[in-house]
PDB file of N, CA and C in Angstrom:
ATOM      1  N   MET A   1       8.666 -12.275  11.860  1.00  0.00           N
ATOM      2  CA  MET A   1       7.422 -12.972  11.585  1.00  0.00           C
ATOM      3  C   MET A   1       6.958 -12.633  10.176  1.00  0.00           C
ATOM      4  N   LYS A   2       6.771 -13.646   9.373  1.00  0.00           N
ATOM      5  CA  LYS A   2       6.382 -13.454   7.984  1.00  0.00           C
ATOM      6  C   LYS A   2       4.850 -13.458   7.869  1.00  0.00           C
ATOM      7  N   VAL A   3       4.319 -12.489   7.107  1.00  0.00           N
ATOM      8  CA  VAL A   3       2.880 -12.380   6.919  1.00  0.00           C
ATOM      9  C   VAL A   3       2.457 -13.309   5.788  1.00  0.00           C
ATOM     10  N   ASP A   4       1.407 -14.080   6.032  1.00  0.00           N
ATOM     11  CA  ASP A   4       0.861 -15.000   5.045  1.00  0.00           C
ATOM     12  C   ASP A   4       0.434 -14.228   3.790  1.00  0.00           C
ATOM     13  N   CYS A   5       0.691 -14.786   2.642  1.00  0.00           N
ATOM     14  CA  CYS A   5       0.356 -14.164   1.363  1.00  0.00           C
ATOM     15  C   CYS A   5      -1.135 -13.848   1.269  1.00  0.00           C
ATOM     16  N   ARG A   6      -1.981 -14.732   1.797  1.00  0.00           N
ATOM     17  CA  ARG A   6      -3.432 -14.510   1.743  1.00  0.00           C
ATOM     18  C   ARG A   6      -3.834 -13.301   2.573  1.00  0.00           C
ATOM     19  N   VAL A   7      -3.182 -13.123   3.712  1.00  0.00           N
ATOM     20  CA  VAL A   7      -3.467 -11.972   4.572  1.00  0.00           C
ATOM     21  C   VAL A   7      -3.076 -10.690   3.850  1.00  0.00           C
ATOM     22  N   ARG A   8      -1.911 -10.703   3.252  1.00  0.00           N
ATOM     23  CA  ARG A   8      -1.429  -9.539   2.513  1.00  0.00           C
ATOM     24  C   ARG A   8      -2.389  -9.173   1.375  1.00  0.00           C
ATOM     25  N   LYS A   9      -2.844 -10.174   0.632  1.00  0.00           N
ATOM     26  CA  LYS A   9      -3.763  -9.931  -0.485  1.00  0.00           C
ATOM     27  C   LYS A   9      -5.105  -9.401   0.007  1.00  0.00           C
ATOM     28  N   SER A  10      -5.598  -9.947   1.109  1.00  0.00           N
ATOM     29  CA  SER A  10      -6.876  -9.491   1.667  1.00  0.00           C
ATOM     30  C   SER A  10      -6.779  -8.042   2.112  1.00  0.00           C
ATOM     31  N   LYS A  11      -5.714  -7.713   2.829  1.00  0.00           N
ATOM     32  CA  LYS A  11      -5.541  -6.333   3.305  1.00  0.00           C
ATOM     33  C   LYS A  11      -5.407  -5.365   2.138  1.00  0.00           C
ATOM     34  N   GLU A  12      -4.687  -5.768   1.117  1.00  0.00           N
ATOM     35  CA  GLU A  12      -4.523  -4.913  -0.057  1.00  0.00           C
ATOM     36  C   GLU A  12      -5.858  -4.724  -0.780  1.00  0.00           C
ATOM     37  N   ALA A  13      -6.651  -5.780  -0.873  1.00  0.00           N
ATOM     38  CA  ALA A  13      -7.964  -5.687  -1.527  1.00  0.00           C
ATOM     39  C   ALA A  13      -8.883  -4.745  -0.750  1.00  0.00           C
ATOM     40  N   LEU A  14      -8.850  -4.827   0.579  1.00  0.00           N
ATOM     41  CA  LEU A  14      -9.673  -3.936   1.402  1.00  0.00           C
ATOM     42  C   LEU A  14      -9.238  -2.481   1.246  1.00  0.00           C
ATOM     43  N   LYS A  15      -7.945  -2.259   1.247  1.00  0.00           N
ATOM     44  CA  LYS A  15      -7.409  -0.902   1.096  1.00  0.00           C
ATOM     45  C   LYS A  15      -7.786  -0.327  -0.267  1.00  0.00           C
ATOM     46  N   THR A  16      -7.613  -1.108  -1.311  1.00  0.00           N
ATOM     47  CA  THR A  16      -7.939  -0.663  -2.663  1.00  0.00           C
ATOM     48  C   THR A  16      -9.426  -0.366  -2.794  1.00  0.00           C
ATOM     49  N   ALA A  17     -10.245  -1.224  -2.217  1.00  0.00           N
ATOM     50  CA  ALA A  17     -11.699  -1.024  -2.265  1.00  0.00           C
ATOM     51  C   ALA A  17     -12.086   0.279  -1.571  1.00  0.00           C
ATOM     52  N   LEU A  18     -11.508   0.537  -0.406  1.00  0.00           N
ATOM     53  CA  LEU A  18     -11.823   1.762   0.326  1.00  0.00           C
ATOM     54  C   LEU A  18     -11.420   2.994  -0.472  1.00  0.00           C
ATOM     55  N   ILE A  19     -10.247   2.972  -1.044  1.00  0.00           N
ATOM     56  CA  ILE A  19      -9.782   4.112  -1.844  1.00  0.00           C
ATOM     57  C   ILE A  19     -10.704   4.341  -3.034  1.00  0.00           C
ATOM     58  N   GLN A  20     -11.100   3.266  -3.693  1.00  0.00           N
ATOM     59  CA  GLN A  20     -12.015   3.381  -4.833  1.00  0.00           C
ATOM     60  C   GLN A  20     -13.352   3.983  -4.397  1.00  0.00           C
ATOM     61  N   LEU A  21     -13.891   3.488  -3.287  1.00  0.00           N
ATOM     62  CA  LEU A  21     -15.181   3.992  -2.799  1.00  0.00           C
ATOM     63  C   LEU A  21     -15.094   5.452  -2.356  1.00  0.00           C
ATOM     64  N   MET A  22     -13.959   5.855  -1.815  1.00  0.00           N
ATOM     65  CA  MET A  22     -13.787   7.242  -1.365  1.00  0.00           C
ATOM     66  C   MET A  22     -13.800   8.217  -2.540  1.00  0.00           C
ATOM     67  N   LYS A  23     -13.513   7.723  -3.734  1.00  0.00           N
ATOM     68  CA  LYS A  23     -13.587   8.561  -4.927  1.00  0.00           C
ATOM     69  C   LYS A  23     -15.041   8.787  -5.347  1.00  0.00           C
ATOM     70  N   GLU A  24     -15.921   7.887  -4.882  1.00  0.00           N
ATOM     71  CA  GLU A  24     -17.328   7.930  -5.280  1.00  0.00           C
ATOM     72  C   GLU A  24     -18.241   8.537  -4.219  1.00  0.00           C
ATOM     73  N   LYS A  25     -17.893   8.367  -2.936  1.00  0.00           N
ATOM     74  CA  LYS A  25     -18.763   8.819  -1.840  1.00  0.00           C
ATOM     75  C   LYS A  25     -17.940   9.409  -0.705  1.00  0.00           C
ATOM     76  N   ASP A  26     -18.630  10.106   0.195  1.00  0.00           N
ATOM     77  CA  ASP A  26     -17.992  10.582   1.425  1.00  0.00           C
ATOM     78  C   ASP A  26     -17.701   9.386   2.324  1.00  0.00           C
ATOM     79  N   LEU A  27     -16.672   9.504   3.120  1.00  0.00           N
ATOM     80  CA  LEU A  27     -16.276   8.413   4.012  1.00  0.00           C
ATOM     81  C   LEU A  27     -17.426   7.970   4.926  1.00  0.00           C
ATOM     82  N   GLN A  28     -18.197   8.916   5.418  1.00  0.00           N
ATOM     83  CA  GLN A  28     -19.297   8.604   6.328  1.00  0.00           C
ATOM     84  C   GLN A  28     -20.401   7.799   5.649  1.00  0.00           C
ATOM     85  N   GLN A  29     -20.458   7.821   4.332  1.00  0.00           N
ATOM     86  CA  GLN A  29     -21.493   7.097   3.594  1.00  0.00           C
ATOM     87  C   GLN A  29     -21.060   5.692   3.191  1.00  0.00           C
ATOM     88  N   ILE A  30     -19.802   5.357   3.401  1.00  0.00           N
ATOM     89  CA  ILE A  30     -19.278   4.050   3.000  1.00  0.00           C
ATOM     90  C   ILE A  30     -19.547   3.042   4.116  1.00  0.00           C
ATOM     91  N   THR A  31     -20.173   1.927   3.742  1.00  0.00           N
ATOM     92  CA  THR A  31     -20.471   0.880   4.723  1.00  0.00           C
ATOM     93  C   THR A  31     -19.473  -0.272   4.585  1.00  0.00           C
ATOM     94  N   ILE A  32     -19.422  -1.096   5.597  1.00  0.00           N
ATOM     95  CA  ILE A  32     -18.572  -2.287   5.543  1.00  0.00           C
ATOM     96  C   ILE A  32     -19.025  -3.177   4.387  1.00  0.00           C
ATOM     97  N   THR A  33     -20.335  -3.263   4.195  1.00  0.00           N
ATOM     98  CA  THR A  33     -20.868  -4.056   3.087  1.00  0.00           C
ATOM     99  C   THR A  33     -20.346  -3.541   1.751  1.00  0.00           C
ATOM    100  N   ASP A  34     -20.312  -2.229   1.571  1.00  0.00           N
ATOM    101  CA  ASP A  34     -19.761  -1.643   0.343  1.00  0.00           C
ATOM    102  C   ASP A  34     -18.316  -2.095   0.134  1.00  0.00           C
ATOM    103  N   ILE A  35     -17.529  -1.982   1.185  1.00  0.00           N
ATOM    104  CA  ILE A  35     -16.096  -2.314   1.087  1.00  0.00           C
ATOM    105  C   ILE A  35     -15.897  -3.777   0.720  1.00  0.00           C
ATOM    106  N   VAL A  36     -16.579  -4.680   1.424  1.00  0.00           N
ATOM    107  CA  VAL A  36     -16.353  -6.108   1.159  1.00  0.00           C
ATOM    108  C   VAL A  36     -16.890  -6.537  -0.205  1.00  0.00           C
ATOM    109  N   LYS A  37     -17.958  -5.881  -0.667  1.00  0.00           N
ATOM    110  CA  LYS A  37     -18.459  -6.208  -2.014  1.00  0.00           C
ATOM    111  C   LYS A  37     -17.432  -5.824  -3.073  1.00  0.00           C
ATOM    112  N   VAL A  38     -16.892  -4.620  -2.958  1.00  0.00           N
ATOM    113  CA  VAL A  38     -15.895  -4.173  -3.939  1.00  0.00           C
ATOM    114  C   VAL A  38     -14.623  -5.028  -3.839  1.00  0.00           C
ATOM    115  N   ALA A  39     -14.233  -5.375  -2.624  1.00  0.00           N
ATOM    116  CA  ALA A  39     -13.017  -6.173  -2.416  1.00  0.00           C
ATOM    117  C   ALA A  39     -13.233  -7.661  -2.720  1.00  0.00           C
ATOM    118  N   ASP A  40     -14.489  -8.067  -2.878  1.00  0.00           N
ATOM    119  CA  ASP A  40     -14.860  -9.466  -3.109  1.00  0.00           C
ATOM    120  C   ASP A  40     -14.385 -10.363  -1.957  1.00  0.00           C
ATOM    121  N   LEU A  41     -14.635  -9.891  -0.742  1.00  0.00           N
ATOM    122  CA  LEU A  41     -14.322 -10.638   0.468  1.00  0.00           C
ATOM    123  C   LEU A  41     -15.582 -10.719   1.327  1.00  0.00           C
ATOM    124  N   ASN A  42     -15.545 -11.557   2.370  1.00  0.00           N
ATOM    125  CA  ASN A  42     -16.709 -11.598   3.253  1.00  0.00           C
ATOM    126  C   ASN A  42     -16.467 -10.735   4.482  1.00  0.00           C
ATOM    127  N   ARG A  43     -17.558 -10.456   5.197  1.00  0.00           N
ATOM    128  CA  ARG A  43     -17.487  -9.573   6.365  1.00  0.00           C
ATOM    129  C   ARG A  43     -16.531 -10.114   7.436  1.00  0.00           C
ATOM    130  N   GLY A  44     -16.500 -11.412   7.582  1.00  0.00           N
ATOM    131  CA  GLY A  44     -15.605 -12.024   8.580  1.00  0.00           C
ATOM    132  C   GLY A  44     -14.153 -11.661   8.329  1.00  0.00           C
ATOM    133  N   THR A  45     -13.769 -11.657   7.058  1.00  0.00           N
ATOM    134  CA  THR A  45     -12.405 -11.273   6.693  1.00  0.00           C
ATOM    135  C   THR A  45     -12.143  -9.822   7.054  1.00  0.00           C
ATOM    136  N   PHE A  46     -13.126  -8.959   6.804  1.00  0.00           N
ATOM    137  CA  PHE A  46     -12.985  -7.562   7.154  1.00  0.00           C
ATOM    138  C   PHE A  46     -12.697  -7.413   8.643  1.00  0.00           C
ATOM    139  N   TYR A  47     -13.524  -8.049   9.478  1.00  0.00           N
ATOM    140  CA  TYR A  47     -13.365  -7.913  10.923  1.00  0.00           C
ATOM    141  C   TYR A  47     -12.085  -8.576  11.436  1.00  0.00           C
ATOM    142  N   LYS A  48     -11.623  -9.612  10.756  1.00  0.00           N
ATOM    143  CA  LYS A  48     -10.387 -10.285  11.160  1.00  0.00           C
ATOM    144  C   LYS A  48      -9.181  -9.361  10.990  1.00  0.00           C
ATOM    145  N   HIS A  49      -9.234  -8.536   9.944  1.00  0.00           N
ATOM    146  CA  HIS A  49      -8.090  -7.646   9.669  1.00  0.00           C
ATOM    147  C   HIS A  49      -8.322  -6.265  10.191  1.00  0.00           C
TER     148      HIS A  49
END
């Protein structure tokens, strides 16, 4: 089963955003809103993946 390019890009953006935020704050202080803003995605995309 081949993963759609858009899915791959979204997951990579979320991962990169989380890593970037973890350099700035403790994990417990990071919100979903923080992650999606940095990743430039919407909350629905976050919950889908």
